[in-house]
Amino acid sequence: MLLLLSLLSGVVCTVLAQPPNILVIVADDLGYNDVSWHNDAVIMPHIAQLAAEGVTLEQHYSQPLCSPTRGALLTGRYPIHNGLNNGAIQPLTPYGLDTSEITLPEELRRANY
């Protein structure tokens, strides 16, 4: 993921004066057929327009709980590799994502976002 962001930021920044917006939507329990571009019975015109005008990522893995999913999204690493594979982190739990992990927001900042 970090390599991809690095490559994209170089290409995009040389073509555009300002980098494009990035919108990431993470939805719990959303299946392949639960979006309008895969199922005509689902009506979601605004999300469908965003998807049509942008990049839709459909080959990915999601975890069954929030903390592992968010950790994987933020780091680009499987939860087993970022220490968040044991389930949801409860309030007041004295651990979380290791502060030495490089995260997506840090890489976006480096790419002038």
PDB file of N, CA and C in Angstrom:
ATOM      1  N   MET A   1       0.831  -1.174   0.000  1.00  0.00           N
ATOM      2  CA  MET A   1       0.000   0.000   0.000  1.00  0.00           C
ATOM      3  C   MET A   1       0.884   1.249   0.000  1.00  0.00           C
ATOM      4  N   LEU A   2       1.933   1.247   0.790  1.00  0.00           N
ATOM      5  CA  LEU A   2       2.791   2.421   0.867  1.00  0.00           C
ATOM      6  C   LEU A   2       3.476   2.678  -0.467  1.00  0.00           C
ATOM      7  N   LEU A   3       3.879   1.615  -1.133  1.00  0.00           N
ATOM      8  CA  LEU A   3       4.498   1.764  -2.442  1.00  0.00           C
ATOM      9  C   LEU A   3       3.492   2.334  -3.425  1.00  0.00           C
ATOM     10  N   LEU A   4       2.268   1.818  -3.396  1.00  0.00           N
ATOM     11  CA  LEU A   4       1.228   2.297  -4.292  1.00  0.00           C
ATOM     12  C   LEU A   4       0.964   3.779  -4.060  1.00  0.00           C
ATOM     13  N   LEU A   5       0.838   4.193  -2.791  1.00  0.00           N
ATOM     14  CA  LEU A   5       0.615   5.604  -2.496  1.00  0.00           C
ATOM     15  C   LEU A   5       1.780   6.459  -2.975  1.00  0.00           C
ATOM     16  N   SER A   6       2.985   5.982  -2.784  1.00  0.00           N
ATOM     17  CA  SER A   6       4.153   6.730  -3.215  1.00  0.00           C
ATOM     18  C   SER A   6       4.157   6.916  -4.726  1.00  0.00           C
ATOM     19  N   LEU A   7       3.854   5.859  -5.445  1.00  0.00           N
ATOM     20  CA  LEU A   7       3.833   5.941  -6.900  1.00  0.00           C
ATOM     21  C   LEU A   7       2.713   6.847  -7.384  1.00  0.00           C
ATOM     22  N   LEU A   8       1.520   6.679  -6.801  1.00  0.00           N
ATOM     23  CA  LEU A   8       0.378   7.488  -7.213  1.00  0.00           C
ATOM     24  C   LEU A   8       0.597   8.960  -6.898  1.00  0.00           C
ATOM     25  N   SER A   9       1.146   9.249  -5.751  1.00  0.00           N
ATOM     26  CA  SER A   9       1.325  10.650  -5.384  1.00  0.00           C
ATOM     27  C   SER A   9       2.268  11.351  -6.353  1.00  0.00           C
ATOM     28  N   GLY A  10       3.297  10.661  -6.809  1.00  0.00           N
ATOM     29  CA  GLY A  10       4.216  11.262  -7.763  1.00  0.00           C
ATOM     30  C   GLY A  10       3.561  11.532  -9.096  1.00  0.00           C
ATOM     31  N   VAL A  11       2.740  10.609  -9.571  1.00  0.00           N
ATOM     32  CA  VAL A  11       2.055  10.766 -10.848  1.00  0.00           C
ATOM     33  C   VAL A  11       0.994  11.843 -10.753  1.00  0.00           C
ATOM     34  N   VAL A  12       0.177  11.784  -9.724  1.00  0.00           N
ATOM     35  CA  VAL A  12      -0.935  12.713  -9.581  1.00  0.00           C
ATOM     36  C   VAL A  12      -0.436  14.140  -9.374  1.00  0.00           C
ATOM     37  N   CYS A  13       0.558  14.325  -8.528  1.00  0.00           N
ATOM     38  CA  CYS A  13       1.031  15.669  -8.200  1.00  0.00           C
ATOM     39  C   CYS A  13       1.709  16.347  -9.387  1.00  0.00           C
ATOM     40  N   THR A  14       2.279  15.579 -10.303  1.00  0.00           N
ATOM     41  CA  THR A  14       2.899  16.208 -11.456  1.00  0.00           C
ATOM     42  C   THR A  14       1.860  16.627 -12.487  1.00  0.00           C
ATOM     43  N   VAL A  15       0.701  15.975 -12.521  1.00  0.00           N
ATOM     44  CA  VAL A  15      -0.334  16.294 -13.484  1.00  0.00           C
ATOM     45  C   VAL A  15      -1.264  17.374 -12.939  1.00  0.00           C
ATOM     46  N   LEU A  16      -1.625  17.297 -11.674  1.00  0.00           N
ATOM     47  CA  LEU A  16      -2.565  18.230 -11.067  1.00  0.00           C
ATOM     48  C   LEU A  16      -1.839  19.176 -10.116  1.00  0.00           C
ATOM     49  N   ALA A  17      -2.358  20.389 -10.021  1.00  0.00           N
ATOM     50  CA  ALA A  17      -1.786  21.340  -9.079  1.00  0.00           C
ATOM     51  C   ALA A  17      -2.117  20.942  -7.642  1.00  0.00           C
ATOM     52  N   GLN A  18      -3.244  20.311  -7.460  1.00  0.00           N
ATOM     53  CA  GLN A  18      -3.681  19.881  -6.125  1.00  0.00           C
ATOM     54  C   GLN A  18      -4.058  18.405  -6.209  1.00  0.00           C
ATOM     55  N   PRO A  19      -3.658  17.615  -5.235  1.00  0.00           N
ATOM     56  CA  PRO A  19      -4.000  16.186  -5.297  1.00  0.00           C
ATOM     57  C   PRO A  19      -5.506  15.971  -5.189  1.00  0.00           C
ATOM     58  N   PRO A  20      -6.025  14.898  -5.773  1.00  0.00           N
ATOM     59  CA  PRO A  20      -7.473  14.637  -5.716  1.00  0.00           C
ATOM     60  C   PRO A  20      -7.907  14.255  -4.306  1.00  0.00           C
ATOM     61  N   ASN A  21      -9.178  14.426  -4.052  1.00  0.00           N
ATOM     62  CA  ASN A  21      -9.733  14.024  -2.763  1.00  0.00           C
ATOM     63  C   ASN A  21      -9.725  12.514  -2.641  1.00  0.00           C
ATOM     64  N   ILE A  22      -9.583  12.037  -1.414  1.00  0.00           N
ATOM     65  CA  ILE A  22      -9.656  10.611  -1.127  1.00  0.00           C
ATOM     66  C   ILE A  22     -10.778  10.406  -0.134  1.00  0.00           C
ATOM     67  N   LEU A  23     -11.699   9.538  -0.477  1.00  0.00           N
ATOM     68  CA  LEU A  23     -12.803   9.198   0.405  1.00  0.00           C
ATOM     69  C   LEU A  23     -12.784   7.687   0.595  1.00  0.00           C
ATOM     70  N   VAL A  24     -12.655   7.245   1.830  1.00  0.00           N
ATOM     71  CA  VAL A  24     -12.666   5.823   2.147  1.00  0.00           C
ATOM     72  C   VAL A  24     -13.917   5.562   2.967  1.00  0.00           C
ATOM     73  N   ILE A  25     -14.729   4.636   2.508  1.00  0.00           N
ATOM     74  CA  ILE A  25     -15.941   4.259   3.235  1.00  0.00           C
ATOM     75  C   ILE A  25     -15.757   2.833   3.727  1.00  0.00           C
ATOM     76  N   VAL A  26     -15.832   2.645   5.028  1.00  0.00           N
ATOM     77  CA  VAL A  26     -15.769   1.317   5.625  1.00  0.00           C
ATOM     78  C   VAL A  26     -17.136   1.065   6.243  1.00  0.00           C
ATOM     79  N   ALA A  27     -17.813   0.037   5.762  1.00  0.00           N
ATOM     80  CA  ALA A  27     -19.157  -0.263   6.250  1.00  0.00           C
ATOM     81  C   ALA A  27     -19.188  -1.677   6.830  1.00  0.00           C
ATOM     82  N   ASP A  28     -19.698  -1.796   8.042  1.00  0.00           N
ATOM     83  CA  ASP A  28     -19.839  -3.119   8.654  1.00  0.00           C
ATOM     84  C   ASP A  28     -20.913  -3.921   7.931  1.00  0.00           C
ATOM     85  N   ASP A  29     -20.656  -5.196   7.746  1.00  0.00           N
ATOM     86  CA  ASP A  29     -21.628  -6.143   7.206  1.00  0.00           C
ATOM     87  C   ASP A  29     -22.138  -5.777   5.806  1.00  0.00           C
ATOM     88  N   LEU A  30     -21.341  -5.130   5.009  1.00  0.00           N
ATOM     89  CA  LEU A  30     -21.728  -4.794   3.647  1.00  0.00           C
ATOM     90  C   LEU A  30     -21.224  -5.880   2.719  1.00  0.00           C
ATOM     91  N   GLY A  31     -22.130  -6.527   2.028  1.00  0.00           N
ATOM     92  CA  GLY A  31     -21.766  -7.607   1.122  1.00  0.00           C
ATOM     93  C   GLY A  31     -21.594  -7.127  -0.303  1.00  0.00           C
ATOM     94  N   TYR A  32     -21.058  -7.984  -1.142  1.00  0.00           N
ATOM     95  CA  TYR A  32     -20.808  -7.670  -2.553  1.00  0.00           C
ATOM     96  C   TYR A  32     -22.076  -7.205  -3.248  1.00  0.00           C
ATOM     97  N   ASN A  33     -23.190  -7.837  -2.958  1.00  0.00           N
ATOM     98  CA  ASN A  33     -24.446  -7.559  -3.644  1.00  0.00           C
ATOM     99  C   ASN A  33     -25.278  -6.489  -2.926  1.00  0.00           C
ATOM    100  N   ASP A  34     -24.695  -5.802  -1.962  1.00  0.00           N
ATOM    101  CA  ASP A  34     -25.416  -4.792  -1.185  1.00  0.00           C
ATOM    102  C   ASP A  34     -25.181  -3.373  -1.681  1.00  0.00           C
ATOM    103  N   VAL A  35     -24.631  -3.230  -2.871  1.00  0.00           N
ATOM    104  CA  VAL A  35     -24.396  -1.913  -3.460  1.00  0.00           C
ATOM    105  C   VAL A  35     -25.082  -1.854  -4.827  1.00  0.00           C
ATOM    106  N   SER A  36     -25.475  -0.661  -5.221  1.00  0.00           N
ATOM    107  CA  SER A  36     -26.295  -0.520  -6.432  1.00  0.00           C
ATOM    108  C   SER A  36     -25.566  -0.877  -7.720  1.00  0.00           C
ATOM    109  N   TRP A  37     -24.238  -0.808  -7.756  1.00  0.00           N
ATOM    110  CA  TRP A  37     -23.549  -1.163  -8.999  1.00  0.00           C
ATOM    111  C   TRP A  37     -23.403  -2.665  -9.179  1.00  0.00           C
ATOM    112  N   HIS A  38     -23.845  -3.454  -8.178  1.00  0.00           N
ATOM    113  CA  HIS A  38     -23.894  -4.904  -8.318  1.00  0.00           C
ATOM    114  C   HIS A  38     -25.320  -5.447  -8.229  1.00  0.00           C
ATOM    115  N   ASN A  39     -26.250  -4.621  -7.800  1.00  0.00           N
ATOM    116  CA  ASN A  39     -27.611  -5.092  -7.545  1.00  0.00           C
ATOM    117  C   ASN A  39     -28.578  -3.954  -7.840  1.00  0.00           C
ATOM    118  N   ASP A  40     -29.390  -4.114  -8.887  1.00  0.00           N
ATOM    119  CA  ASP A  40     -30.337  -3.070  -9.285  1.00  0.00           C
ATOM    120  C   ASP A  40     -31.425  -2.810  -8.245  1.00  0.00           C
ATOM    121  N   ALA A  41     -31.663  -3.747  -7.344  1.00  0.00           N
ATOM    122  CA  ALA A  41     -32.693  -3.567  -6.315  1.00  0.00           C
ATOM    123  C   ALA A  41     -32.234  -2.610  -5.211  1.00  0.00           C
ATOM    124  N   VAL A  42     -30.943  -2.361  -5.129  1.00  0.00           N
ATOM    125  CA  VAL A  42     -30.403  -1.448  -4.120  1.00  0.00           C
ATOM    126  C   VAL A  42     -30.344  -0.047  -4.721  1.00  0.00           C
ATOM    127  N   ILE A  43     -30.899   0.911  -4.000  1.00  0.00           N
ATOM    128  CA  ILE A  43     -30.918   2.291  -4.477  1.00  0.00           C
ATOM    129  C   ILE A  43     -30.003   3.126  -3.590  1.00  0.00           C
ATOM    130  N   MET A  44     -28.927   3.605  -4.175  1.00  0.00           N
ATOM    131  CA  MET A  44     -27.976   4.464  -3.455  1.00  0.00           C
ATOM    132  C   MET A  44     -27.281   5.369  -4.464  1.00  0.00           C
ATOM    133  N   PRO A  45     -28.024   6.341  -5.019  1.00  0.00           N
ATOM    134  CA  PRO A  45     -27.495   7.134  -6.140  1.00  0.00           C
ATOM    135  C   PRO A  45     -26.253   7.951  -5.815  1.00  0.00           C
ATOM    136  N   HIS A  46     -26.135   8.495  -4.624  1.00  0.00           N
ATOM    137  CA  HIS A  46     -24.988   9.344  -4.305  1.00  0.00           C
ATOM    138  C   HIS A  46     -23.713   8.516  -4.173  1.00  0.00           C
ATOM    139  N   ILE A  47     -23.817   7.379  -3.489  1.00  0.00           N
ATOM    140  CA  ILE A  47     -22.655   6.497  -3.356  1.00  0.00           C
ATOM    141  C   ILE A  47     -22.280   5.931  -4.726  1.00  0.00           C
ATOM    142  N   ALA A  48     -23.278   5.578  -5.533  1.00  0.00           N
ATOM    143  CA  ALA A  48     -23.014   5.048  -6.872  1.00  0.00           C
ATOM    144  C   ALA A  48     -22.309   6.088  -7.740  1.00  0.00           C
ATOM    145  N   GLN A  49     -22.686   7.357  -7.605  1.00  0.00           N
ATOM    146  CA  GLN A  49     -22.027   8.411  -8.369  1.00  0.00           C
ATOM    147  C   GLN A  49     -20.576   8.569  -7.934  1.00  0.00           C
ATOM    148  N   LEU A  50     -20.335   8.545  -6.620  1.00  0.00           N
ATOM    149  CA  LEU A  50     -18.960   8.612  -6.130  1.00  0.00           C
ATOM    150  C   LEU A  50     -18.137   7.451  -6.680  1.00  0.00           C
ATOM    151  N   ALA A  51     -18.720   6.256  -6.684  1.00  0.00           N
ATOM    152  CA  ALA A  51     -18.018   5.079  -7.183  1.00  0.00           C
ATOM    153  C   ALA A  51     -17.744   5.195  -8.684  1.00  0.00           C
ATOM    154  N   ALA A  52     -18.730   5.694  -9.430  1.00  0.00           N
ATOM    155  CA  ALA A  52     -18.577   5.813 -10.880  1.00  0.00           C
ATOM    156  C   ALA A  52     -17.518   6.846 -11.266  1.00  0.00           C
ATOM    157  N   GLU A  53     -17.389   7.904 -10.467  1.00  0.00           N
ATOM    158  CA  GLU A  53     -16.451   8.980 -10.781  1.00  0.00           C
ATOM    159  C   GLU A  53     -15.070   8.762 -10.169  1.00  0.00           C
ATOM    160  N   GLY A  54     -14.940   7.732  -9.340  1.00  0.00           N
ATOM    161  CA  GLY A  54     -13.671   7.504  -8.665  1.00  0.00           C
ATOM    162  C   GLY A  54     -13.125   6.122  -8.919  1.00  0.00           C
ATOM    163  N   VAL A  55     -12.447   5.610  -7.935  1.00  0.00           N
ATOM    164  CA  VAL A  55     -11.854   4.277  -7.995  1.00  0.00           C
ATOM    165  C   VAL A  55     -12.574   3.413  -6.972  1.00  0.00           C
ATOM    166  N   THR A  56     -13.083   2.277  -7.404  1.00  0.00           N
ATOM    167  CA  THR A  56     -13.763   1.348  -6.512  1.00  0.00           C
ATOM    168  C   THR A  56     -12.863   0.137  -6.316  1.00  0.00           C
ATOM    169  N   LEU A  57     -12.490  -0.115  -5.080  1.00  0.00           N
ATOM    170  CA  LEU A  57     -11.648  -1.267  -4.754  1.00  0.00           C
ATOM    171  C   LEU A  57     -12.554  -2.415  -4.324  1.00  0.00           C
ATOM    172  N   GLU A  58     -12.496  -3.520  -5.043  1.00  0.00           N
ATOM    173  CA  GLU A  58     -13.396  -4.629  -4.746  1.00  0.00           C
ATOM    174  C   GLU A  58     -12.678  -5.949  -4.484  1.00  0.00           C
ATOM    175  N   GLN A  59     -11.388  -5.948  -4.464  1.00  0.00           N
ATOM    176  CA  GLN A  59     -10.614  -7.142  -4.162  1.00  0.00           C
ATOM    177  C   GLN A  59      -9.864  -6.893  -2.854  1.00  0.00           C
ATOM    178  N   HIS A  60     -10.475  -7.230  -1.758  1.00  0.00           N
ATOM    179  CA  HIS A  60      -9.864  -6.961  -0.464  1.00  0.00           C
ATOM    180  C   HIS A  60     -10.366  -7.947   0.575  1.00  0.00           C
ATOM    181  N   TYR A  61      -9.702  -7.957   1.698  1.00  0.00           N
ATOM    182  CA  TYR A  61     -10.103  -8.780   2.817  1.00  0.00           C
ATOM    183  C   TYR A  61     -10.538  -7.874   3.957  1.00  0.00           C
ATOM    184  N   SER A  62     -11.571  -8.281   4.631  1.00  0.00           N
ATOM    185  CA  SER A  62     -12.038  -7.544   5.796  1.00  0.00           C
ATOM    186  C   SER A  62     -12.043  -8.495   6.982  1.00  0.00           C
ATOM    187  N   GLN A  63     -11.859  -7.944   8.136  1.00  0.00           N
ATOM    188  CA  GLN A  63     -11.864  -8.744   9.354  1.00  0.00           C
ATOM    189  C   GLN A  63     -13.261  -8.718   9.968  1.00  0.00           C
ATOM    190  N   PRO A  64     -13.607  -9.696  10.788  1.00  0.00           N
ATOM    191  CA  PRO A  64     -14.950  -9.758  11.354  1.00  0.00           C
ATOM    192  C   PRO A  64     -15.210  -8.765  12.487  1.00  0.00           C
ATOM    193  N   LEU A  65     -14.192  -8.065  12.946  1.00  0.00           N
ATOM    194  CA  LEU A  65     -14.360  -7.104  14.036  1.00  0.00           C
ATOM    195  C   LEU A  65     -13.734  -5.762  13.673  1.00  0.00           C
ATOM    196  N   CYS A  66     -14.146  -4.722  14.392  1.00  0.00           N
ATOM    197  CA  CYS A  66     -13.740  -3.359  14.031  1.00  0.00           C
ATOM    198  C   CYS A  66     -12.256  -3.070  14.216  1.00  0.00           C
ATOM    199  N   SER A  67     -11.678  -3.398  15.357  1.00  0.00           N
ATOM    200  CA  SER A  67     -10.274  -3.033  15.603  1.00  0.00           C
ATOM    201  C   SER A  67      -9.309  -3.664  14.596  1.00  0.00           C
ATOM    202  N   PRO A  68      -9.421  -4.963  14.305  1.00  0.00           N
ATOM    203  CA  PRO A  68      -8.526  -5.537  13.291  1.00  0.00           C
ATOM    204  C   PRO A  68      -8.738  -4.921  11.907  1.00  0.00           C
ATOM    205  N   THR A  69      -9.980  -4.627  11.551  1.00  0.00           N
ATOM    206  CA  THR A  69     -10.264  -4.022  10.248  1.00  0.00           C
ATOM    207  C   THR A  69      -9.645  -2.639  10.151  1.00  0.00           C
ATOM    208  N   ARG A  70      -9.834  -1.833  11.174  1.00  0.00           N
ATOM    209  CA  ARG A  70      -9.302  -0.469  11.156  1.00  0.00           C
ATOM    210  C   ARG A  70      -7.776  -0.465  11.182  1.00  0.00           C
ATOM    211  N   GLY A  71      -7.196  -1.359  11.955  1.00  0.00           N
ATOM    212  CA  GLY A  71      -5.739  -1.451  11.985  1.00  0.00           C
ATOM    213  C   GLY A  71      -5.170  -1.843  10.633  1.00  0.00           C
ATOM    214  N   ALA A  72      -5.830  -2.779   9.964  1.00  0.00           N
ATOM    215  CA  ALA A  72      -5.378  -3.212   8.639  1.00  0.00           C
ATOM    216  C   ALA A  72      -5.521  -2.080   7.623  1.00  0.00           C
ATOM    217  N   LEU A  73      -6.609  -1.345   7.692  1.00  0.00           N
ATOM    218  CA  LEU A  73      -6.820  -0.224   6.779  1.00  0.00           C
ATOM    219  C   LEU A  73      -5.771   0.866   7.014  1.00  0.00           C
ATOM    220  N   LEU A  74      -5.504   1.174   8.254  1.00  0.00           N
ATOM    221  CA  LEU A  74      -4.553   2.236   8.580  1.00  0.00           C
ATOM    222  C   LEU A  74      -3.111   1.884   8.225  1.00  0.00           C
ATOM    223  N   THR A  75      -2.752   0.613   8.347  1.00  0.00           N
ATOM    224  CA  THR A  75      -1.352   0.221   8.132  1.00  0.00           C
ATOM    225  C   THR A  75      -1.094  -0.507   6.817  1.00  0.00           C
ATOM    226  N   GLY A  76      -2.125  -1.072   6.218  1.00  0.00           N
ATOM    227  CA  GLY A  76      -1.919  -1.879   5.020  1.00  0.00           C
ATOM    228  C   GLY A  76      -1.357  -3.248   5.346  1.00  0.00           C
ATOM    229  N   ARG A  77      -1.425  -3.639   6.610  1.00  0.00           N
ATOM    230  CA  ARG A  77      -0.866  -4.917   7.059  1.00  0.00           C
ATOM    231  C   ARG A  77      -1.978  -5.760   7.681  1.00  0.00           C
ATOM    232  N   TYR A  78      -1.848  -7.065   7.536  1.00  0.00           N
ATOM    233  CA  TYR A  78      -2.794  -7.969   8.187  1.00  0.00           C
ATOM    234  C   TYR A  78      -2.737  -7.764   9.707  1.00  0.00           C
ATOM    235  N   PRO A  79      -3.864  -7.918  10.398  1.00  0.00           N
ATOM    236  CA  PRO A  79      -3.883  -7.733  11.853  1.00  0.00           C
ATOM    237  C   PRO A  79      -2.884  -8.599  12.612  1.00  0.00           C
ATOM    238  N   ILE A  80      -2.572  -9.767  12.114  1.00  0.00           N
ATOM    239  CA  ILE A  80      -1.602 -10.626  12.786  1.00  0.00           C
ATOM    240  C   ILE A  80      -0.222  -9.960  12.807  1.00  0.00           C
ATOM    241  N   HIS A  81       0.025  -9.063  11.855  1.00  0.00           N
ATOM    242  CA  HIS A  81       1.321  -8.387  11.768  1.00  0.00           C
ATOM    243  C   HIS A  81       1.348  -7.028  12.459  1.00  0.00           C
ATOM    244  N   ASN A  82       0.171  -6.482  12.792  1.00  0.00           N
ATOM    245  CA  ASN A  82       0.180  -5.193  13.489  1.00  0.00           C
ATOM    246  C   ASN A  82      -0.310  -5.304  14.937  1.00  0.00           C
ATOM    247  N   GLY A  83      -0.504  -6.538  15.405  1.00  0.00           N
ATOM    248  CA  GLY A  83      -0.845  -6.765  16.808  1.00  0.00           C
ATOM    249  C   GLY A  83      -2.301  -6.584  17.169  1.00  0.00           C
ATOM    250  N   LEU A  84      -3.169  -6.467  16.172  1.00  0.00           N
ATOM    251  CA  LEU A  84      -4.594  -6.247  16.452  1.00  0.00           C
ATOM    252  C   LEU A  84      -5.457  -7.444  16.058  1.00  0.00           C
ATOM    253  N   ASN A  85      -4.900  -8.627  16.133  1.00  0.00           N
ATOM    254  CA  ASN A  85      -5.619  -9.814  15.681  1.00  0.00           C
ATOM    255  C   ASN A  85      -6.469 -10.470  16.771  1.00  0.00           C
ATOM    256  N   ASN A  86      -6.456  -9.945  17.989  1.00  0.00           N
ATOM    257  CA  ASN A  86      -7.176 -10.596  19.087  1.00  0.00           C
ATOM    258  C   ASN A  86      -8.604 -10.105  19.281  1.00  0.00           C
ATOM    259  N   GLY A  87      -9.119  -9.337  18.372  1.00  0.00           N
ATOM    260  CA  GLY A  87     -10.497  -8.872  18.488  1.00  0.00           C
ATOM    261  C   GLY A  87     -10.583  -7.385  18.735  1.00  0.00           C
ATOM    262  N   ALA A  88     -11.778  -6.950  19.104  1.00  0.00           N
ATOM    263  CA  ALA A  88     -12.037  -5.528  19.315  1.00  0.00           C
ATOM    264  C   ALA A  88     -11.325  -5.035  20.570  1.00  0.00           C
ATOM    265  N   ILE A  89     -10.781  -3.854  20.490  1.00  0.00           N
ATOM    266  CA  ILE A  89     -10.158  -3.230  21.650  1.00  0.00           C
ATOM    267  C   ILE A  89     -11.260  -2.546  22.449  1.00  0.00           C
ATOM    268  N   GLN A  90     -11.412  -2.944  23.684  1.00  0.00           N
ATOM    269  CA  GLN A  90     -12.452  -2.392  24.552  1.00  0.00           C
ATOM    270  C   GLN A  90     -12.004  -1.060  25.156  1.00  0.00           C
ATOM    271  N   PRO A  91     -12.955  -0.214  25.569  1.00  0.00           N
ATOM    272  CA  PRO A  91     -12.579   1.051  26.216  1.00  0.00           C
ATOM    273  C   PRO A  91     -11.679   0.810  27.426  1.00  0.00           C
ATOM    274  N   LEU A  92     -10.732   1.697  27.619  1.00  0.00           N
ATOM    275  CA  LEU A  92      -9.779   1.685  28.727  1.00  0.00           C
ATOM    276  C   LEU A  92      -8.786   0.523  28.668  1.00  0.00           C
ATOM    277  N   THR A  93      -8.720  -0.175  27.537  1.00  0.00           N
ATOM    278  CA  THR A  93      -7.735  -1.239  27.364  1.00  0.00           C
ATOM    279  C   THR A  93      -6.362  -0.593  27.172  1.00  0.00           C
ATOM    280  N   PRO A  94      -5.342  -1.071  27.878  1.00  0.00           N
ATOM    281  CA  PRO A  94      -4.042  -0.398  27.839  1.00  0.00           C
ATOM    282  C   PRO A  94      -3.165  -0.767  26.636  1.00  0.00           C
ATOM    283  N   TYR A  95      -3.747  -1.085  25.492  1.00  0.00           N
ATOM    284  CA  TYR A  95      -2.942  -1.340  24.305  1.00  0.00           C
ATOM    285  C   TYR A  95      -3.723  -0.915  23.068  1.00  0.00           C
ATOM    286  N   GLY A  96      -3.053  -0.852  21.960  1.00  0.00           N
ATOM    287  CA  GLY A  96      -3.677  -0.484  20.697  1.00  0.00           C
ATOM    288  C   GLY A  96      -2.663  -0.642  19.581  1.00  0.00           C
ATOM    289  N   LEU A  97      -2.835   0.103  18.541  1.00  0.00           N
ATOM    290  CA  LEU A  97      -1.912   0.060  17.418  1.00  0.00           C
ATOM    291  C   LEU A  97      -0.570   0.622  17.862  1.00  0.00           C
ATOM    292  N   ASP A  98       0.474  -0.107  17.604  1.00  0.00           N
ATOM    293  CA  ASP A  98       1.824   0.319  17.988  1.00  0.00           C
ATOM    294  C   ASP A  98       2.140   1.661  17.326  1.00  0.00           C
ATOM    295  N   THR A  99       2.632   2.601  18.105  1.00  0.00           N
ATOM    296  CA  THR A  99       2.915   3.940  17.582  1.00  0.00           C
ATOM    297  C   THR A  99       4.070   3.960  16.583  1.00  0.00           C
ATOM    298  N   SER A 100       4.805   2.864  16.472  1.00  0.00           N
ATOM    299  CA  SER A 100       5.877   2.811  15.479  1.00  0.00           C
ATOM    300  C   SER A 100       5.355   2.408  14.096  1.00  0.00           C
ATOM    301  N   GLU A 101       4.095   1.981  14.003  1.00  0.00           N
ATOM    302  CA  GLU A 101       3.505   1.616  12.712  1.00  0.00           C
ATOM    303  C   GLU A 101       3.357   2.861  11.843  1.00  0.00           C
ATOM    304  N   ILE A 102       3.684   2.736  10.589  1.00  0.00           N
ATOM    305  CA  ILE A 102       3.461   3.817   9.629  1.00  0.00           C
ATOM    306  C   ILE A 102       2.029   3.682   9.145  1.00  0.00           C
ATOM    307  N   THR A 103       1.265   4.758   9.245  1.00  0.00           N
ATOM    308  CA  THR A 103      -0.156   4.689   8.910  1.00  0.00           C
ATOM    309  C   THR A 103      -0.475   5.450   7.620  1.00  0.00           C
ATOM    310  N   LEU A 104      -1.638   5.168   7.090  1.00  0.00           N
ATOM    311  CA  LEU A 104      -2.106   5.824   5.877  1.00  0.00           C
ATOM    312  C   LEU A 104      -2.114   7.349   6.017  1.00  0.00           C
ATOM    313  N   PRO A 105      -2.617   7.924   7.110  1.00  0.00           N
ATOM    314  CA  PRO A 105      -2.566   9.388   7.236  1.00  0.00           C
ATOM    315  C   PRO A 105      -1.143   9.955   7.204  1.00  0.00           C
ATOM    316  N   GLU A 106      -0.192   9.240   7.781  1.00  0.00           N
ATOM    317  CA  GLU A 106       1.193   9.708   7.744  1.00  0.00           C
ATOM    318  C   GLU A 106       1.733   9.724   6.310  1.00  0.00           C
ATOM    319  N   GLU A 107       1.415   8.683   5.559  1.00  0.00           N
ATOM    320  CA  GLU A 107       1.876   8.621   4.171  1.00  0.00           C
ATOM    321  C   GLU A 107       1.172   9.660   3.310  1.00  0.00           C
ATOM    322  N   LEU A 108      -0.097   9.904   3.589  1.00  0.00           N
ATOM    323  CA  LEU A 108      -0.807  10.945   2.840  1.00  0.00           C
ATOM    324  C   LEU A 108      -0.217  12.321   3.140  1.00  0.00           C
ATOM    325  N   ARG A 109       0.158  12.561   4.372  1.00  0.00           N
ATOM    326  CA  ARG A 109       0.794  13.831   4.748  1.00  0.00           C
ATOM    327  C   ARG A 109       2.101  13.997   3.972  1.00  0.00           C
ATOM    328  N   ARG A 110       2.878  12.902   3.874  1.00  0.00           N
ATOM    329  CA  ARG A 110       4.135  12.954   3.115  1.00  0.00           C
ATOM    330  C   ARG A 110       3.892  13.236   1.635  1.00  0.00           C
ATOM    331  N   ALA A 111       2.707  12.858   1.151  1.00  0.00           N
ATOM    332  CA  ALA A 111       2.350  13.090  -0.251  1.00  0.00           C
ATOM    333  C   ALA A 111       1.649  14.439  -0.435  1.00  0.00           C
ATOM    334  N   ASN A 112       1.771  15.317   0.565  1.00  0.00           N
ATOM    335  CA  ASN A 112       1.212  16.684   0.515  1.00  0.00           C
ATOM    336  C   ASN A 112      -0.307  16.743   0.531  1.00  0.00           C
ATOM    337  N   TYR A 113      -0.914  15.826   1.238  1.00  0.00           N
ATOM    338  CA  TYR A 113      -2.369  15.913   1.449  1.00  0.00           C
ATOM    339  C   TYR A 113      -2.635  16.685   2.696  1.00  0.00           C
TER     340      TYR A 113
END
